[in-house]
């Protein structure tokens, strides 16, 4: 007989960067949660440390796993890099839900992600050789992803369920308003992330570090609540 192991929700995990808490307090999840793609540039991260169980008390605040991301530092050699990633509409397949909805309601097809770009770079090096180092990162993200509103209702359902006391013209006007809110609407998600870090080597076994991470996320129409649950998407 198979035994099902207990599962722990993701909100019980601890997320940190350089040992400092990187959770957001409202949902007890990593900053950004599901709406913001990331809060640290991938070019900033050197490595990950993962503790699944039996970790020491210094971590704490978790009933699940502990994930600590370690940021990069400058070295005695000046080093930099650039990156650019592009996701373009002509390379994407049509989303099956949007495609089916467009056919049902006679709406034009649209790509859920119309275009996505991520670009940036980093540079690091010495301020005082063997003693004082700097590391800088910039990361930009530009995403165009139209939102689609659909419904499982139809004009016949609205007419058949017209409440007593309401005229057919009132019901038709109500349905016309609801129908005007359906379809594809523009939506973007643009982000800029800046990171700066200084390291000072006190002696062979001790180092002082200070870092600053700034994120600017802009997304008009980026959050959509569902008043009717399964009747909207």
C-alpha atoms as a PDB file:
ATOM      1  CA  UNK A   1       0.000   0.000   0.000  1.00  0.00           C
ATOM      2  CA  UNK A   2       1.458   3.329  -1.072  1.00  0.00           C
ATOM      3  CA  UNK A   3       1.888   5.975   1.589  1.00  0.00           C
ATOM      4  CA  UNK A   4       1.382   9.613   0.714  1.00  0.00           C
ATOM      5  CA  UNK A   5       3.945  11.913   2.276  1.00  0.00           C
ATOM      6  CA  UNK A   6       2.674  15.143   3.864  1.00  0.00           C
ATOM      7  CA  UNK A   7       3.118  18.328   1.847  1.00  0.00           C
ATOM      8  CA  UNK A   8       4.046  21.766   3.107  1.00  0.00           C
ATOM      9  CA  UNK A   9       2.793  24.935   1.449  1.00  0.00           C
ATOM     10  CA  UNK A  10       5.307  27.135  -0.365  1.00  0.00           C
ATOM     11  CA  UNK A  11       4.563  29.998   2.026  1.00  0.00           C
ATOM     12  CA  UNK A  12       6.402  28.060   4.753  1.00  0.00           C
ATOM     13  CA  UNK A  13       9.700  28.395   2.883  1.00  0.00           C
ATOM     14  CA  UNK A  14      12.283  31.039   3.712  1.00  0.00           C
ATOM     15  CA  UNK A  15      13.819  33.153   0.958  1.00  0.00           C
ATOM     16  CA  UNK A  16      16.906  35.262   1.643  1.00  0.00           C
ATOM     17  CA  UNK A  17      19.680  37.102  -0.199  1.00  0.00           C
ATOM     18  CA  UNK A  18      23.142  37.201   1.377  1.00  0.00           C
ATOM     19  CA  UNK A  19      21.500  35.940   4.564  1.00  0.00           C
ATOM     20  CA  UNK A  20      18.995  38.835   4.743  1.00  0.00           C
ATOM     21  CA  UNK A  21      15.241  38.145   4.631  1.00  0.00           C
ATOM     22  CA  UNK A  22      13.827  38.547   1.099  1.00  0.00           C
ATOM     23  CA  UNK A  23      10.200  37.654   1.898  1.00  0.00           C
ATOM     24  CA  UNK A  24       7.299  40.070   1.666  1.00  0.00           C
ATOM     25  CA  UNK A  25       5.204  40.177   4.812  1.00  0.00           C
ATOM     26  CA  UNK A  26       1.656  40.151   3.376  1.00  0.00           C
ATOM     27  CA  UNK A  27       1.731  36.716   1.699  1.00  0.00           C
ATOM     28  CA  UNK A  28       4.879  35.370   3.419  1.00  0.00           C
ATOM     29  CA  UNK A  29       6.395  34.574   0.025  1.00  0.00           C
ATOM     30  CA  UNK A  30       9.393  35.809  -1.932  1.00  0.00           C
ATOM     31  CA  UNK A  31       9.252  39.501  -2.860  1.00  0.00           C
ATOM     32  CA  UNK A  32       7.432  40.057  -6.123  1.00  0.00           C
ATOM     33  CA  UNK A  33       5.292  36.943  -5.626  1.00  0.00           C
ATOM     34  CA  UNK A  34       3.613  35.955  -8.953  1.00  0.00           C
ATOM     35  CA  UNK A  35       2.996  39.371 -10.522  1.00  0.00           C
ATOM     36  CA  UNK A  36       6.540  40.720 -10.620  1.00  0.00           C
ATOM     37  CA  UNK A  37       8.957  38.496 -12.492  1.00  0.00           C
ATOM     38  CA  UNK A  38      11.989  38.996 -10.223  1.00  0.00           C
ATOM     39  CA  UNK A  39      13.504  41.502  -7.800  1.00  0.00           C
ATOM     40  CA  UNK A  40      17.199  40.708  -8.333  1.00  0.00           C
ATOM     41  CA  UNK A  41      18.907  40.508 -11.717  1.00  0.00           C
ATOM     42  CA  UNK A  42      20.143  37.062 -12.746  1.00  0.00           C
ATOM     43  CA  UNK A  43      23.508  38.722 -13.410  1.00  0.00           C
ATOM     44  CA  UNK A  44      23.701  39.669  -9.715  1.00  0.00           C
ATOM     45  CA  UNK A  45      23.442  36.116  -8.349  1.00  0.00           C
ATOM     46  CA  UNK A  46      26.587  34.037  -7.887  1.00  0.00           C
ATOM     47  CA  UNK A  47      25.105  30.876  -6.375  1.00  0.00           C
ATOM     48  CA  UNK A  48      22.231  29.405  -4.361  1.00  0.00           C
ATOM     49  CA  UNK A  49      22.360  27.651  -1.025  1.00  0.00           C
ATOM     50  CA  UNK A  50      19.415  25.309  -0.305  1.00  0.00           C
ATOM     51  CA  UNK A  51      18.646  23.651   3.042  1.00  0.00           C
ATOM     52  CA  UNK A  52      15.720  21.224   2.936  1.00  0.00           C
ATOM     53  CA  UNK A  53      15.781  20.050   6.536  1.00  0.00           C
ATOM     54  CA  UNK A  54      17.794  19.909   9.761  1.00  0.00           C
ATOM     55  CA  UNK A  55      19.180  23.398   9.196  1.00  0.00           C
ATOM     56  CA  UNK A  56      20.652  25.370  12.067  1.00  0.00           C
ATOM     57  CA  UNK A  57      18.729  27.896  14.169  1.00  0.00           C
ATOM     58  CA  UNK A  58      20.424  30.850  12.475  1.00  0.00           C
ATOM     59  CA  UNK A  59      18.071  30.421   9.506  1.00  0.00           C
ATOM     60  CA  UNK A  60      14.683  29.909  11.206  1.00  0.00           C
ATOM     61  CA  UNK A  61      11.371  31.447  10.071  1.00  0.00           C
ATOM     62  CA  UNK A  62      10.585  28.366   7.991  1.00  0.00           C
ATOM     63  CA  UNK A  63       8.789  25.048   8.338  1.00  0.00           C
ATOM     64  CA  UNK A  64       9.848  24.065   4.831  1.00  0.00           C
ATOM     65  CA  UNK A  65      13.065  24.754   2.974  1.00  0.00           C
ATOM     66  CA  UNK A  66      15.502  27.649   3.208  1.00  0.00           C
ATOM     67  CA  UNK A  67      16.908  29.167   0.010  1.00  0.00           C
ATOM     68  CA  UNK A  68      19.708  31.729   0.255  1.00  0.00           C
ATOM     69  CA  UNK A  69      20.993  33.506  -2.843  1.00  0.00           C
ATOM     70  CA  UNK A  70      24.581  34.766  -2.707  1.00  0.00           C
ATOM     71  CA  UNK A  71      25.406  37.875  -4.740  1.00  0.00           C
ATOM     72  CA  UNK A  72      28.550  38.427  -6.778  1.00  0.00           C
ATOM     73  CA  UNK A  73      31.486  40.572  -5.696  1.00  0.00           C
ATOM     74  CA  UNK A  74      34.229  42.427  -7.523  1.00  0.00           C
ATOM     75  CA  UNK A  75      37.722  40.968  -7.841  1.00  0.00           C
ATOM     76  CA  UNK A  76      41.238  42.230  -8.586  1.00  0.00           C
ATOM     77  CA  UNK A  77      40.448  41.968 -12.298  1.00  0.00           C
ATOM     78  CA  UNK A  78      37.935  44.288 -13.969  1.00  0.00           C
ATOM     79  CA  UNK A  79      35.247  42.145 -15.549  1.00  0.00           C
ATOM     80  CA  UNK A  80      31.942  42.972 -17.219  1.00  0.00           C
ATOM     81  CA  UNK A  81      29.305  41.427 -19.439  1.00  0.00           C
ATOM     82  CA  UNK A  82      26.174  42.308 -21.427  1.00  0.00           C
ATOM     83  CA  UNK A  83      23.069  40.253 -22.182  1.00  0.00           C
ATOM     84  CA  UNK A  84      19.908  40.530 -24.270  1.00  0.00           C
ATOM     85  CA  UNK A  85      16.983  38.092 -24.536  1.00  0.00           C
ATOM     86  CA  UNK A  86      14.020  38.456 -26.889  1.00  0.00           C
ATOM     87  CA  UNK A  87      10.702  36.621 -27.084  1.00  0.00           C
ATOM     88  CA  UNK A  88       8.846  37.676 -30.230  1.00  0.00           C
ATOM     89  CA  UNK A  89       5.187  37.047 -31.285  1.00  0.00           C
ATOM     90  CA  UNK A  90       6.000  35.338 -34.567  1.00  0.00           C
ATOM     91  CA  UNK A  91       7.954  32.687 -32.629  1.00  0.00           C
ATOM     92  CA  UNK A  92       5.123  31.939 -30.153  1.00  0.00           C
ATOM     93  CA  UNK A  93       2.281  29.421 -30.449  1.00  0.00           C
ATOM     94  CA  UNK A  94      -1.288  30.648 -29.878  1.00  0.00           C
ATOM     95  CA  UNK A  95      -2.556  30.139 -26.339  1.00  0.00           C
ATOM     96  CA  UNK A  96      -5.248  27.400 -26.528  1.00  0.00           C
ATOM     97  CA  UNK A  97      -7.643  29.144 -24.110  1.00  0.00           C
ATOM     98  CA  UNK A  98      -7.468  32.466 -25.951  1.00  0.00           C
ATOM     99  CA  UNK A  99      -7.755  30.672 -29.283  1.00  0.00           C
ATOM    100  CA  UNK A 100     -10.882  28.735 -28.236  1.00  0.00           C
ATOM    101  CA  UNK A 101     -12.460  31.861 -26.743  1.00  0.00           C
ATOM    102  CA  UNK A 102     -11.736  33.882 -29.877  1.00  0.00           C
ATOM    103  CA  UNK A 103     -13.420  31.254 -32.051  1.00  0.00           C
ATOM    104  CA  UNK A 104     -16.463  30.990 -29.736  1.00  0.00           C
ATOM    105  CA  UNK A 105     -17.036  34.745 -29.451  1.00  0.00           C
ATOM    106  CA  UNK A 106     -15.811  35.663 -32.926  1.00  0.00           C
ATOM    107  CA  UNK A 107     -12.947  37.775 -31.560  1.00  0.00           C
ATOM    108  CA  UNK A 108      -9.557  38.345 -33.232  1.00  0.00           C
ATOM    109  CA  UNK A 109      -6.695  36.100 -32.153  1.00  0.00           C
ATOM    110  CA  UNK A 110      -4.051  37.573 -29.859  1.00  0.00           C
ATOM    111  CA  UNK A 111      -0.832  36.348 -28.312  1.00  0.00           C
ATOM    112  CA  UNK A 112      -0.899  36.223 -24.477  1.00  0.00           C
ATOM    113  CA  UNK A 113       2.716  37.437 -24.549  1.00  0.00           C
ATOM    114  CA  UNK A 114       3.083  39.787 -27.471  1.00  0.00           C
ATOM    115  CA  UNK A 115       6.716  40.652 -26.871  1.00  0.00           C
ATOM    116  CA  UNK A 116       9.203  40.245 -24.036  1.00  0.00           C
ATOM    117  CA  UNK A 117      12.721  41.638 -23.758  1.00  0.00           C
ATOM    118  CA  UNK A 118      15.296  41.373 -20.998  1.00  0.00           C
ATOM    119  CA  UNK A 119      18.600  43.183 -21.219  1.00  0.00           C
ATOM    120  CA  UNK A 120      21.379  44.557 -19.063  1.00  0.00           C
ATOM    121  CA  UNK A 121      24.890  43.954 -17.864  1.00  0.00           C
ATOM    122  CA  UNK A 122      27.324  44.054 -14.977  1.00  0.00           C
ATOM    123  CA  UNK A 123      30.810  45.268 -14.163  1.00  0.00           C
ATOM    124  CA  UNK A 124      33.088  44.657 -11.191  1.00  0.00           C
ATOM    125  CA  UNK A 125      36.668  45.296 -10.197  1.00  0.00           C
ATOM    126  CA  UNK A 126      39.061  46.660  -7.564  1.00  0.00           C
ATOM    127  CA  UNK A 127      39.020  50.072  -5.894  1.00  0.00           C
ATOM    128  CA  UNK A 128      42.082  49.124  -3.826  1.00  0.00           C
ATOM    129  CA  UNK A 129      43.766  45.959  -5.012  1.00  0.00           C
ATOM    130  CA  UNK A 130      43.395  43.019  -2.608  1.00  0.00           C
ATOM    131  CA  UNK A 131      41.368  45.226  -0.241  1.00  0.00           C
ATOM    132  CA  UNK A 132      38.373  47.150  -1.642  1.00  0.00           C
ATOM    133  CA  UNK A 133      36.080  45.969  -4.476  1.00  0.00           C
ATOM    134  CA  UNK A 134      32.943  47.129  -6.311  1.00  0.00           C
ATOM    135  CA  UNK A 135      30.243  45.347  -8.332  1.00  0.00           C
ATOM    136  CA  UNK A 136      27.412  46.998 -10.341  1.00  0.00           C
ATOM    137  CA  UNK A 137      24.452  45.526 -12.227  1.00  0.00           C
ATOM    138  CA  UNK A 138      21.611  46.893 -14.358  1.00  0.00           C
ATOM    139  CA  UNK A 139      18.695  44.753 -15.578  1.00  0.00           C
ATOM    140  CA  UNK A 140      15.787  45.948 -17.730  1.00  0.00           C
ATOM    141  CA  UNK A 141      12.635  44.021 -18.619  1.00  0.00           C
ATOM    142  CA  UNK A 142       9.969  45.081 -21.154  1.00  0.00           C
ATOM    143  CA  UNK A 143       6.901  42.872 -21.547  1.00  0.00           C
ATOM    144  CA  UNK A 144       3.790  43.371 -23.712  1.00  0.00           C
ATOM    145  CA  UNK A 145       1.099  40.817 -22.832  1.00  0.00           C
ATOM    146  CA  UNK A 146      -2.506  41.763 -23.733  1.00  0.00           C
ATOM    147  CA  UNK A 147      -5.186  40.553 -21.330  1.00  0.00           C
ATOM    148  CA  UNK A 148      -8.276  38.656 -22.541  1.00  0.00           C
ATOM    149  CA  UNK A 149     -11.657  38.756 -20.782  1.00  0.00           C
ATOM    150  CA  UNK A 150     -14.139  35.992 -21.654  1.00  0.00           C
ATOM    151  CA  UNK A 151     -17.452  34.662 -20.352  1.00  0.00           C
ATOM    152  CA  UNK A 152     -19.350  31.384 -20.523  1.00  0.00           C
ATOM    153  CA  UNK A 153     -22.610  33.289 -20.972  1.00  0.00           C
ATOM    154  CA  UNK A 154     -24.361  34.288 -24.201  1.00  0.00           C
ATOM    155  CA  UNK A 155     -27.007  36.744 -25.439  1.00  0.00           C
ATOM    156  CA  UNK A 156     -29.716  34.057 -25.216  1.00  0.00           C
ATOM    157  CA  UNK A 157     -28.928  33.427 -21.537  1.00  0.00           C
ATOM    158  CA  UNK A 158     -29.194  37.131 -20.719  1.00  0.00           C
ATOM    159  CA  UNK A 159     -32.505  37.432 -22.551  1.00  0.00           C
ATOM    160  CA  UNK A 160     -33.927  34.257 -20.985  1.00  0.00           C
ATOM    161  CA  UNK A 161     -32.922  35.384 -17.501  1.00  0.00           C
ATOM    162  CA  UNK A 162     -34.241  38.921 -17.850  1.00  0.00           C
ATOM    163  CA  UNK A 163     -35.665  39.737 -14.388  1.00  0.00           C
ATOM    164  CA  UNK A 164     -39.305  40.627 -13.928  1.00  0.00           C
ATOM    165  CA  UNK A 165     -39.930  44.317 -14.156  1.00  0.00           C
ATOM    166  CA  UNK A 166     -37.067  44.863 -16.606  1.00  0.00           C
ATOM    167  CA  UNK A 167     -37.818  45.480 -20.250  1.00  0.00           C
ATOM    168  CA  UNK A 168     -36.113  43.584 -23.067  1.00  0.00           C
ATOM    169  CA  UNK A 169     -34.438  46.850 -24.042  1.00  0.00           C
ATOM    170  CA  UNK A 170     -32.920  47.169 -20.543  1.00  0.00           C
ATOM    171  CA  UNK A 171     -31.674  43.583 -20.678  1.00  0.00           C
ATOM    172  CA  UNK A 172     -30.234  44.142 -24.144  1.00  0.00           C
ATOM    173  CA  UNK A 173     -28.459  47.291 -22.919  1.00  0.00           C
ATOM    174  CA  UNK A 174     -27.050  45.388 -19.936  1.00  0.00           C
ATOM    175  CA  UNK A 175     -25.744  42.623 -22.178  1.00  0.00           C
ATOM    176  CA  UNK A 176     -24.290  45.192 -24.573  1.00  0.00           C
ATOM    177  CA  UNK A 177     -22.354  46.735 -21.681  1.00  0.00           C
ATOM    178  CA  UNK A 178     -21.076  43.339 -20.499  1.00  0.00           C
ATOM    179  CA  UNK A 179     -20.071  42.447 -24.051  1.00  0.00           C
ATOM    180  CA  UNK A 180     -18.131  45.707 -24.362  1.00  0.00           C
ATOM    181  CA  UNK A 181     -15.900  44.607 -21.467  1.00  0.00           C
ATOM    182  CA  UNK A 182     -14.970  41.349 -23.216  1.00  0.00           C
ATOM    183  CA  UNK A 183     -12.125  40.874 -25.638  1.00  0.00           C
ATOM    184  CA  UNK A 184      -8.461  41.802 -25.706  1.00  0.00           C
ATOM    185  CA  UNK A 185      -7.053  44.825 -23.877  1.00  0.00           C
ATOM    186  CA  UNK A 186      -3.499  46.252 -23.770  1.00  0.00           C
ATOM    187  CA  UNK A 187      -1.280  45.424 -20.817  1.00  0.00           C
ATOM    188  CA  UNK A 188       2.448  45.956 -20.224  1.00  0.00           C
ATOM    189  CA  UNK A 189       4.967  45.124 -17.536  1.00  0.00           C
ATOM    190  CA  UNK A 190       8.164  47.194 -17.487  1.00  0.00           C
ATOM    191  CA  UNK A 191      10.884  46.888 -14.886  1.00  0.00           C
ATOM    192  CA  UNK A 192      14.315  48.332 -14.091  1.00  0.00           C
ATOM    193  CA  UNK A 193      16.571  46.805 -11.431  1.00  0.00           C
ATOM    194  CA  UNK A 194      19.822  48.399 -10.186  1.00  0.00           C
ATOM    195  CA  UNK A 195      22.301  46.694  -7.884  1.00  0.00           C
ATOM    196  CA  UNK A 196      25.502  47.994  -6.270  1.00  0.00           C
ATOM    197  CA  UNK A 197      27.851  46.200  -3.888  1.00  0.00           C
ATOM    198  CA  UNK A 198      31.052  47.130  -2.025  1.00  0.00           C
ATOM    199  CA  UNK A 199      33.372  44.634  -0.312  1.00  0.00           C
ATOM    200  CA  UNK A 200      36.256  45.398   2.031  1.00  0.00           C
ATOM    201  CA  UNK A 201      38.666  42.626   3.008  1.00  0.00           C
ATOM    202  CA  UNK A 202      39.588  43.252   6.643  1.00  0.00           C
ATOM    203  CA  UNK A 203      41.884  40.229   6.897  1.00  0.00           C
ATOM    204  CA  UNK A 204      42.153  36.755   5.331  1.00  0.00           C
ATOM    205  CA  UNK A 205      39.134  35.481   7.299  1.00  0.00           C
ATOM    206  CA  UNK A 206      36.837  38.544   7.615  1.00  0.00           C
ATOM    207  CA  UNK A 207      35.139  40.703   4.996  1.00  0.00           C
ATOM    208  CA  UNK A 208      32.724  43.649   5.225  1.00  0.00           C
ATOM    209  CA  UNK A 209      30.028  43.901   2.544  1.00  0.00           C
ATOM    210  CA  UNK A 210      27.332  46.470   1.774  1.00  0.00           C
ATOM    211  CA  UNK A 211      24.840  46.252  -1.091  1.00  0.00           C
ATOM    212  CA  UNK A 212      21.906  48.240  -2.425  1.00  0.00           C
ATOM    213  CA  UNK A 213      19.179  46.882  -4.725  1.00  0.00           C
ATOM    214  CA  UNK A 214      16.619  49.220  -6.351  1.00  0.00           C
ATOM    215  CA  UNK A 215      13.607  47.947  -8.312  1.00  0.00           C
ATOM    216  CA  UNK A 216      11.086  49.966 -10.321  1.00  0.00           C
ATOM    217  CA  UNK A 217       8.094  47.944 -11.627  1.00  0.00           C
ATOM    218  CA  UNK A 218       5.348  49.533 -13.776  1.00  0.00           C
ATOM    219  CA  UNK A 219       2.345  47.550 -15.057  1.00  0.00           C
ATOM    220  CA  UNK A 220      -0.931  49.344 -15.960  1.00  0.00           C
ATOM    221  CA  UNK A 221      -3.814  46.811 -15.949  1.00  0.00           C
ATOM    222  CA  UNK A 222      -1.315  44.346 -14.500  1.00  0.00           C
ATOM    223  CA  UNK A 223      -3.643  43.175 -11.718  1.00  0.00           C
ATOM    224  CA  UNK A 224      -7.105  41.875 -12.456  1.00  0.00           C
ATOM    225  CA  UNK A 225      -9.613  40.631  -9.864  1.00  0.00           C
ATOM    226  CA  UNK A 226     -12.355  38.143 -10.808  1.00  0.00           C
ATOM    227  CA  UNK A 227     -15.804  39.185  -9.517  1.00  0.00           C
ATOM    228  CA  UNK A 228     -17.472  36.052 -10.950  1.00  0.00           C
ATOM    229  CA  UNK A 229     -14.700  33.486 -10.504  1.00  0.00           C
ATOM    230  CA  UNK A 230     -14.939  30.939 -13.338  1.00  0.00           C
ATOM    231  CA  UNK A 231     -17.048  33.210 -15.584  1.00  0.00           C
ATOM    232  CA  UNK A 232     -14.073  35.491 -16.272  1.00  0.00           C
ATOM    233  CA  UNK A 233     -10.530  34.775 -17.253  1.00  0.00           C
END
